[in-house]
Amino acid sequence: MSWQLSPCLEWLFADGGAEFPDRIRAAAQAGFRQVEFWTAGNKDVAHLEAAIDECGVTVTAFVSEPTGRIVDPSTHNMFLEGVERSCSLAKRLHAQNLIVVSGDTLPAIDRRAQSDAIAAALDQAGAIAERSGVGLVLEPLNTRVDHAGYFLESTEEALRILRAVGRPTVSLLYDLYHSVVMGEDPATVLRDARGMVGHVHIADAPGRHEPGTGKIDWRRELDALRASGYDGALGLEYVPTRGTESSLAFIRRVAG
């Protein structure tokens, strides 16, 4: 079975500085039925909504705002209010998932306490999401290259948090690029993750460019994803080294 591909419009179909609604149209014209982006707060939502409705695409995911720092319980009320608003926006934009990030580490606080704080926030946020029919996906990020200081750098720790939450609408956003940069082996970290991966992002490493430009063995890693039970979309979150359509050639061949 072929993988569905979901281009991240922050970087793809942005050729020539195209406006976001035009990126949606370009992605749809190229045959994509799913797209995604980072945040909606810096975009003209009415124009986004019009382009999404016009093209008949689904938004795979965008980030719940404000992102907060949910390792810190004092931010939870603000975070939950943001999830409520973002869920309403997700319904307008035909979005399936909201991306949740942990925030940076609190240096003076015990790590387990910060992990417990994330679980507590997600448990409450999950109840909000369930009422709205929207998924929440928690994303670990690498701290070696792109996100120094970020708390949740481990897939294993993210899965422990998600097991503590125990809500089917709260799952893992597995970013293969971040995982590989952190030295993880996808087949190993996903071995016990069946049913827990809600979305996947991909980019090659090193460099975070299109698949085929780095050292990742894509056939092996996509097989590992499939073996974990994941059959959703692959979010194409990479910085293209050439025009978008040209950059897609390799992953379309491998994922097809």
Foldseek 3Di string as FASTA:
>chain_A
DFFAAAEALVAACCPPNDAPLVSLVVCLVVPHQEYEYEDCPVHDLVSLLVSCVVSNHAYAEYAQPPQFQQLDLVCLVVSLVSLLVVLVSNVSNNYAEHEHENHFDDVVDDLVSSLVSNLVSCLSSLVSCVVSNHAYAYEAAACPPDNPRGNRQDLQSVVVSCVSSVRLRYAHAAEPASCVVNVHDLLVSLVQCASRHSHYEYAAPDPQEAPPPHDDPVLVNVVSCVNSVDRHHYYHRGNYPDHNVVSCVPVSVSSD
